[in-house]
Amino acid sequence: MNVEEIRILCLGLKGTTEDFPFDKDTLVFKVMGKMFALVPLERIPHTVNLKCDPEKSISLRDKYSDIITPGYHMSKLHWNTIRLEALPRELMEELVLHSYNLVVSKLTKKDKAKLALLS
């Protein structure tokens, strides 16, 4: 996947917004104001930081050690940095959805109710 494909995928998830809260080069995707994906636009090769269950992170890093690494400038326990063009599309989609779902699962009841009302 490339940066635009990741962008389309993220924005297709309910309640997702995009923003540049840190600088003009780091595109951040949020659900109900909580980050689930970060894309440093100037970084080559292109990467995405995604939230991940700690046990799954270890397994993914072992299996794809040259593609998936601990989250760059993020909590190494909860975030992975993934080279975009290096993983099969299906796996990339699964990891984006996993990150999104982790964040949604931690939302307050109020925010979950607001999210449920969105089309």
N, C-alpha and C. Protein backbone atom coordinates (compact mmCIF):
# COMPACT_ATOMS: atom_id res chain seq x y z
N MET A 1 0.84 -1.18 0.00
CA MET A 1 0.00 0.00 0.00
C MET A 1 0.88 1.24 0.00
N ASN A 2 0.33 2.31 -0.53
CA ASN A 2 1.06 3.57 -0.50
C ASN A 2 0.34 4.53 0.47
N VAL A 3 0.87 5.73 0.60
CA VAL A 3 0.32 6.69 1.56
C VAL A 3 -1.14 7.03 1.24
N GLU A 4 -1.46 7.25 -0.02
CA GLU A 4 -2.83 7.61 -0.38
C GLU A 4 -3.80 6.46 -0.10
N GLU A 5 -3.37 5.22 -0.33
CA GLU A 5 -4.23 4.07 -0.05
C GLU A 5 -4.48 3.93 1.46
N ILE A 6 -3.45 4.18 2.26
CA ILE A 6 -3.62 4.16 3.72
C ILE A 6 -4.60 5.25 4.14
N ARG A 7 -4.45 6.42 3.55
CA ARG A 7 -5.33 7.55 3.86
C ARG A 7 -6.78 7.19 3.55
N ILE A 8 -7.04 6.64 2.39
CA ILE A 8 -8.40 6.25 2.00
C ILE A 8 -8.95 5.18 2.94
N LEU A 9 -8.12 4.22 3.28
CA LEU A 9 -8.53 3.15 4.19
C LEU A 9 -8.91 3.73 5.56
N CYS A 10 -8.06 4.56 6.12
CA CYS A 10 -8.33 5.14 7.44
C CYS A 10 -9.58 6.01 7.42
N LEU A 11 -9.70 6.86 6.41
CA LEU A 11 -10.86 7.76 6.35
C LEU A 11 -12.16 7.02 6.09
N GLY A 12 -12.07 5.79 5.63
CA GLY A 12 -13.26 4.97 5.42
C GLY A 12 -13.80 4.36 6.70
N LEU A 13 -13.06 4.48 7.79
CA LEU A 13 -13.51 3.93 9.07
C LEU A 13 -14.35 4.96 9.81
N LYS A 14 -15.44 4.51 10.38
CA LYS A 14 -16.42 5.39 11.02
C LYS A 14 -15.79 6.31 12.06
N GLY A 15 -16.12 7.60 11.95
CA GLY A 15 -15.68 8.58 12.94
C GLY A 15 -14.25 9.04 12.80
N THR A 16 -13.59 8.67 11.70
CA THR A 16 -12.17 9.01 11.53
C THR A 16 -12.00 10.41 10.95
N THR A 17 -11.02 11.12 11.51
CA THR A 17 -10.61 12.42 11.00
C THR A 17 -9.11 12.39 10.76
N GLU A 18 -8.64 13.32 9.92
CA GLU A 18 -7.20 13.45 9.69
C GLU A 18 -6.77 14.83 10.13
N ASP A 19 -5.49 14.93 10.54
CA ASP A 19 -5.03 16.16 11.16
C ASP A 19 -3.50 16.18 11.09
N PHE A 20 -2.93 17.34 11.30
CA PHE A 20 -1.48 17.52 11.42
C PHE A 20 -1.20 18.19 12.77
N PRO A 21 -1.42 17.49 13.89
CA PRO A 21 -1.29 18.14 15.20
C PRO A 21 0.15 18.40 15.64
N PHE A 22 1.11 17.69 15.07
CA PHE A 22 2.49 17.81 15.53
C PHE A 22 3.34 18.72 14.65
N ASP A 23 3.22 18.53 13.35
CA ASP A 23 3.99 19.31 12.39
C ASP A 23 3.35 19.14 11.02
N LYS A 24 3.89 19.80 10.01
CA LYS A 24 3.29 19.76 8.67
C LYS A 24 3.58 18.46 7.92
N ASP A 25 4.41 17.60 8.48
CA ASP A 25 4.82 16.38 7.79
C ASP A 25 4.26 15.09 8.38
N THR A 26 3.59 15.16 9.52
CA THR A 26 3.08 13.94 10.15
C THR A 26 1.56 13.94 10.12
N LEU A 27 1.02 13.13 9.24
CA LEU A 27 -0.43 13.00 9.09
C LEU A 27 -0.93 12.03 10.16
N VAL A 28 -1.93 12.48 10.92
CA VAL A 28 -2.45 11.68 12.03
C VAL A 28 -3.93 11.39 11.78
N PHE A 29 -4.30 10.13 11.97
CA PHE A 29 -5.70 9.72 11.87
C PHE A 29 -6.21 9.41 13.26
N LYS A 30 -7.41 9.96 13.55
CA LYS A 30 -8.00 9.81 14.88
C LYS A 30 -9.44 9.32 14.74
N VAL A 31 -9.88 8.57 15.75
CA VAL A 31 -11.28 8.22 15.87
C VAL A 31 -11.76 8.84 17.17
N MET A 32 -12.77 9.68 17.07
CA MET A 32 -13.31 10.39 18.23
C MET A 32 -12.21 11.11 19.00
N GLY A 33 -11.25 11.69 18.27
CA GLY A 33 -10.18 12.47 18.87
C GLY A 33 -9.00 11.67 19.39
N LYS A 34 -8.99 10.35 19.21
CA LYS A 34 -7.90 9.50 19.70
C LYS A 34 -7.12 8.93 18.53
N MET A 35 -5.80 9.04 18.59
CA MET A 35 -4.94 8.58 17.50
C MET A 35 -4.95 7.06 17.33
N PHE A 36 -5.01 6.63 16.06
CA PHE A 36 -4.81 5.21 15.78
C PHE A 36 -3.82 4.96 14.65
N ALA A 37 -3.45 6.01 13.91
CA ALA A 37 -2.45 5.86 12.84
C ALA A 37 -1.73 7.18 12.61
N LEU A 38 -0.42 7.08 12.40
CA LEU A 38 0.40 8.25 12.09
C LEU A 38 1.25 7.93 10.87
N VAL A 39 1.28 8.85 9.92
CA VAL A 39 2.05 8.66 8.70
C VAL A 39 3.01 9.84 8.53
N PRO A 40 4.31 9.60 8.73
CA PRO A 40 5.29 10.67 8.48
C PRO A 40 5.51 10.80 6.97
N LEU A 41 4.97 11.85 6.38
CA LEU A 41 4.93 11.98 4.92
C LEU A 41 6.30 12.12 4.27
N GLU A 42 7.25 12.69 4.96
CA GLU A 42 8.58 12.92 4.38
C GLU A 42 9.53 11.74 4.57
N ARG A 43 9.11 10.74 5.31
CA ARG A 43 9.99 9.61 5.58
C ARG A 43 9.99 8.63 4.41
N ILE A 44 11.20 8.24 3.98
CA ILE A 44 11.36 7.26 2.91
C ILE A 44 12.24 6.13 3.45
N PRO A 45 11.86 4.86 3.37
CA PRO A 45 10.62 4.40 2.77
C PRO A 45 9.41 4.84 3.62
N HIS A 46 8.24 4.92 2.98
CA HIS A 46 7.04 5.35 3.68
C HIS A 46 6.67 4.34 4.75
N THR A 47 6.24 4.87 5.89
CA THR A 47 5.85 4.02 7.02
C THR A 47 4.55 4.53 7.61
N VAL A 48 3.98 3.71 8.46
CA VAL A 48 2.81 4.09 9.25
C VAL A 48 3.03 3.55 10.66
N ASN A 49 2.68 4.34 11.65
CA ASN A 49 2.68 3.88 13.04
C ASN A 49 1.25 3.48 13.38
N LEU A 50 1.10 2.25 13.88
CA LEU A 50 -0.22 1.74 14.25
C LEU A 50 -0.19 1.18 15.65
N LYS A 51 -1.27 1.41 16.37
CA LYS A 51 -1.42 0.84 17.70
C LYS A 51 -1.59 -0.67 17.55
N CYS A 52 -1.10 -1.42 18.54
CA CYS A 52 -1.20 -2.88 18.43
C CYS A 52 -1.19 -3.50 19.84
N ASP A 53 -1.93 -4.58 19.98
CA ASP A 53 -1.91 -5.35 21.21
C ASP A 53 -0.48 -5.79 21.48
N PRO A 54 0.03 -5.64 22.72
CA PRO A 54 1.44 -5.97 22.99
C PRO A 54 1.86 -7.38 22.58
N GLU A 55 1.03 -8.38 22.84
CA GLU A 55 1.40 -9.75 22.47
C GLU A 55 1.46 -9.91 20.95
N LYS A 56 0.49 -9.32 20.28
CA LYS A 56 0.47 -9.38 18.81
C LYS A 56 1.68 -8.64 18.24
N SER A 57 2.06 -7.53 18.88
CA SER A 57 3.24 -6.77 18.43
C SER A 57 4.48 -7.64 18.40
N ILE A 58 4.70 -8.38 19.46
CA ILE A 58 5.88 -9.25 19.55
C ILE A 58 5.86 -10.29 18.43
N SER A 59 4.71 -10.90 18.22
CA SER A 59 4.57 -11.92 17.18
C SER A 59 4.84 -11.33 15.79
N LEU A 60 4.26 -10.16 15.52
CA LEU A 60 4.45 -9.51 14.22
C LEU A 60 5.91 -9.10 14.01
N ARG A 61 6.52 -8.56 15.04
CA ARG A 61 7.93 -8.13 14.92
C ARG A 61 8.85 -9.31 14.70
N ASP A 62 8.54 -10.45 15.30
CA ASP A 62 9.33 -11.66 15.08
C ASP A 62 9.17 -12.17 13.65
N LYS A 63 7.95 -12.20 13.18
CA LYS A 63 7.66 -12.74 11.85
C LYS A 63 8.12 -11.82 10.72
N TYR A 64 7.99 -10.50 10.93
CA TYR A 64 8.31 -9.52 9.89
C TYR A 64 9.37 -8.54 10.40
N SER A 65 10.46 -9.07 10.91
CA SER A 65 11.46 -8.24 11.60
C SER A 65 12.07 -7.13 10.74
N ASP A 66 12.10 -7.30 9.45
CA ASP A 66 12.66 -6.26 8.59
C ASP A 66 11.61 -5.26 8.11
N ILE A 67 10.34 -5.50 8.45
CA ILE A 67 9.23 -4.66 7.99
C ILE A 67 8.49 -3.99 9.14
N ILE A 68 8.32 -4.71 10.25
CA ILE A 68 7.58 -4.20 11.41
C ILE A 68 8.55 -4.07 12.58
N THR A 69 8.66 -2.84 13.10
CA THR A 69 9.59 -2.55 14.19
C THR A 69 8.83 -1.82 15.32
N PRO A 70 9.44 -1.72 16.50
CA PRO A 70 8.79 -0.97 17.57
C PRO A 70 8.49 0.46 17.12
N GLY A 71 7.40 1.01 17.59
CA GLY A 71 6.92 2.32 17.16
C GLY A 71 7.94 3.43 17.29
N TYR A 72 8.23 4.07 16.19
CA TYR A 72 9.19 5.18 16.14
C TYR A 72 8.59 6.37 16.87
N HIS A 73 9.28 6.86 17.89
CA HIS A 73 8.83 7.99 18.71
C HIS A 73 7.50 7.72 19.41
N MET A 74 7.19 6.46 19.67
CA MET A 74 5.94 6.07 20.31
C MET A 74 6.25 5.05 21.41
N SER A 75 5.23 4.69 22.17
CA SER A 75 5.39 3.62 23.16
C SER A 75 5.74 2.33 22.41
N LYS A 76 6.89 1.77 22.71
CA LYS A 76 7.34 0.56 22.02
C LYS A 76 6.46 -0.65 22.36
N LEU A 77 5.75 -0.56 23.47
CA LEU A 77 4.87 -1.65 23.89
C LEU A 77 3.57 -1.67 23.08
N HIS A 78 3.04 -0.50 22.76
CA HIS A 78 1.72 -0.41 22.16
C HIS A 78 1.67 0.04 20.70
N TRP A 79 2.81 0.38 20.12
CA TRP A 79 2.82 0.89 18.75
C TRP A 79 3.89 0.20 17.91
N ASN A 80 3.57 -0.02 16.64
CA ASN A 80 4.52 -0.56 15.66
C ASN A 80 4.71 0.45 14.54
N THR A 81 5.90 0.46 13.97
CA THR A 81 6.16 1.19 12.74
C THR A 81 6.27 0.15 11.63
N ILE A 82 5.51 0.38 10.56
CA ILE A 82 5.40 -0.61 9.49
C ILE A 82 5.75 0.04 8.15
N ARG A 83 6.65 -0.59 7.40
CA ARG A 83 6.96 -0.11 6.04
C ARG A 83 5.77 -0.38 5.15
N LEU A 84 5.23 0.66 4.55
CA LEU A 84 3.97 0.55 3.81
C LEU A 84 4.00 -0.40 2.63
N GLU A 85 4.97 -0.26 1.77
CA GLU A 85 4.96 -1.04 0.53
C GLU A 85 5.43 -2.48 0.72
N ALA A 86 5.79 -2.85 1.94
CA ALA A 86 6.43 -4.14 2.15
C ALA A 86 5.49 -5.27 2.59
N LEU A 87 4.30 -4.94 3.04
CA LEU A 87 3.36 -5.97 3.51
C LEU A 87 2.25 -6.20 2.49
N PRO A 88 1.71 -7.41 2.45
CA PRO A 88 0.55 -7.66 1.59
C PRO A 88 -0.62 -6.75 2.01
N ARG A 89 -1.39 -6.31 1.04
CA ARG A 89 -2.50 -5.38 1.28
C ARG A 89 -3.46 -5.91 2.36
N GLU A 90 -3.80 -7.17 2.31
CA GLU A 90 -4.74 -7.75 3.27
C GLU A 90 -4.24 -7.63 4.70
N LEU A 91 -2.94 -7.88 4.90
CA LEU A 91 -2.38 -7.78 6.24
C LEU A 91 -2.34 -6.32 6.69
N MET A 92 -2.01 -5.42 5.78
CA MET A 92 -1.98 -4.00 6.12
C MET A 92 -3.38 -3.54 6.54
N GLU A 93 -4.39 -3.95 5.79
CA GLU A 93 -5.77 -3.58 6.12
C GLU A 93 -6.15 -4.14 7.49
N GLU A 94 -5.75 -5.38 7.76
CA GLU A 94 -6.04 -6.01 9.05
C GLU A 94 -5.39 -5.23 10.20
N LEU A 95 -4.15 -4.79 10.01
CA LEU A 95 -3.44 -4.08 11.07
C LEU A 95 -4.02 -2.68 11.31
N VAL A 96 -4.46 -2.02 10.25
CA VAL A 96 -5.12 -0.71 10.42
C VAL A 96 -6.42 -0.90 11.20
N LEU A 97 -7.20 -1.89 10.82
CA LEU A 97 -8.46 -2.15 11.51
C LEU A 97 -8.22 -2.56 12.97
N HIS A 98 -7.18 -3.34 13.21
CA HIS A 98 -6.83 -3.74 14.58
C HIS A 98 -6.51 -2.50 15.43
N SER A 99 -5.73 -1.58 14.88
CA SER A 99 -5.38 -0.35 15.58
C SER A 99 -6.63 0.47 15.88
N TYR A 100 -7.47 0.65 14.87
CA TYR A 100 -8.72 1.39 15.03
C TYR A 100 -9.59 0.75 16.12
N ASN A 101 -9.76 -0.56 16.05
CA ASN A 101 -10.60 -1.26 17.03
C ASN A 101 -10.05 -1.18 18.45
N LEU A 102 -8.74 -1.21 18.59
CA LEU A 102 -8.14 -1.06 19.93
C LEU A 102 -8.50 0.30 20.52
N VAL A 103 -8.40 1.33 19.71
CA VAL A 103 -8.72 2.68 20.18
C VAL A 103 -10.21 2.79 20.49
N VAL A 104 -11.05 2.28 19.62
CA VAL A 104 -12.50 2.33 19.85
C VAL A 104 -12.86 1.60 21.14
N SER A 105 -12.21 0.48 21.40
CA SER A 105 -12.53 -0.31 22.60
C SER A 105 -12.23 0.45 23.89
N LYS A 106 -11.35 1.43 23.83
CA LYS A 106 -10.97 2.21 25.01
C LYS A 106 -11.73 3.53 25.13
N LEU A 107 -12.60 3.83 24.17
CA LEU A 107 -13.38 5.06 24.24
C LEU A 107 -14.34 5.02 25.41
N THR A 108 -14.72 6.19 25.88
CA THR A 108 -15.73 6.27 26.94
C THR A 108 -17.07 5.81 26.38
N LYS A 109 -17.98 5.47 27.28
CA LYS A 109 -19.32 5.07 26.84
C LYS A 109 -19.97 6.19 26.03
N LYS A 110 -19.76 7.41 26.46
CA LYS A 110 -20.34 8.57 25.77
C LYS A 110 -19.81 8.66 24.34
N ASP A 111 -18.50 8.52 24.17
CA ASP A 111 -17.92 8.59 22.82
C ASP A 111 -18.32 7.39 21.97
N LYS A 112 -18.43 6.21 22.59
CA LYS A 112 -18.90 5.03 21.84
C LYS A 112 -20.32 5.24 21.34
N ALA A 113 -21.14 5.86 22.16
CA ALA A 113 -22.53 6.14 21.76
C ALA A 113 -22.56 7.15 20.61
N LYS A 114 -21.72 8.19 20.68
CA LYS A 114 -21.63 9.18 19.59
C LYS A 114 -21.16 8.51 18.30
N LEU A 115 -20.16 7.63 18.43
CA LEU A 115 -19.63 6.93 17.26
C LEU A 115 -20.69 6.05 16.62
N ALA A 116 -21.47 5.38 17.44
CA ALA A 116 -22.52 4.50 16.93
C ALA A 116 -23.56 5.26 16.12
N LEU A 117 -23.76 6.54 16.44
CA LEU A 117 -24.76 7.34 15.74
C LEU A 117 -24.27 7.88 14.40
N LEU A 118 -22.97 7.82 14.16
CA LEU A 118 -22.42 8.31 12.90
C LEU A 118 -22.74 7.34 11.78
N SER A 119 -22.93 7.89 10.58
CA SER A 119 -23.22 7.01 9.43
C SER A 119 -21.96 6.64 8.70
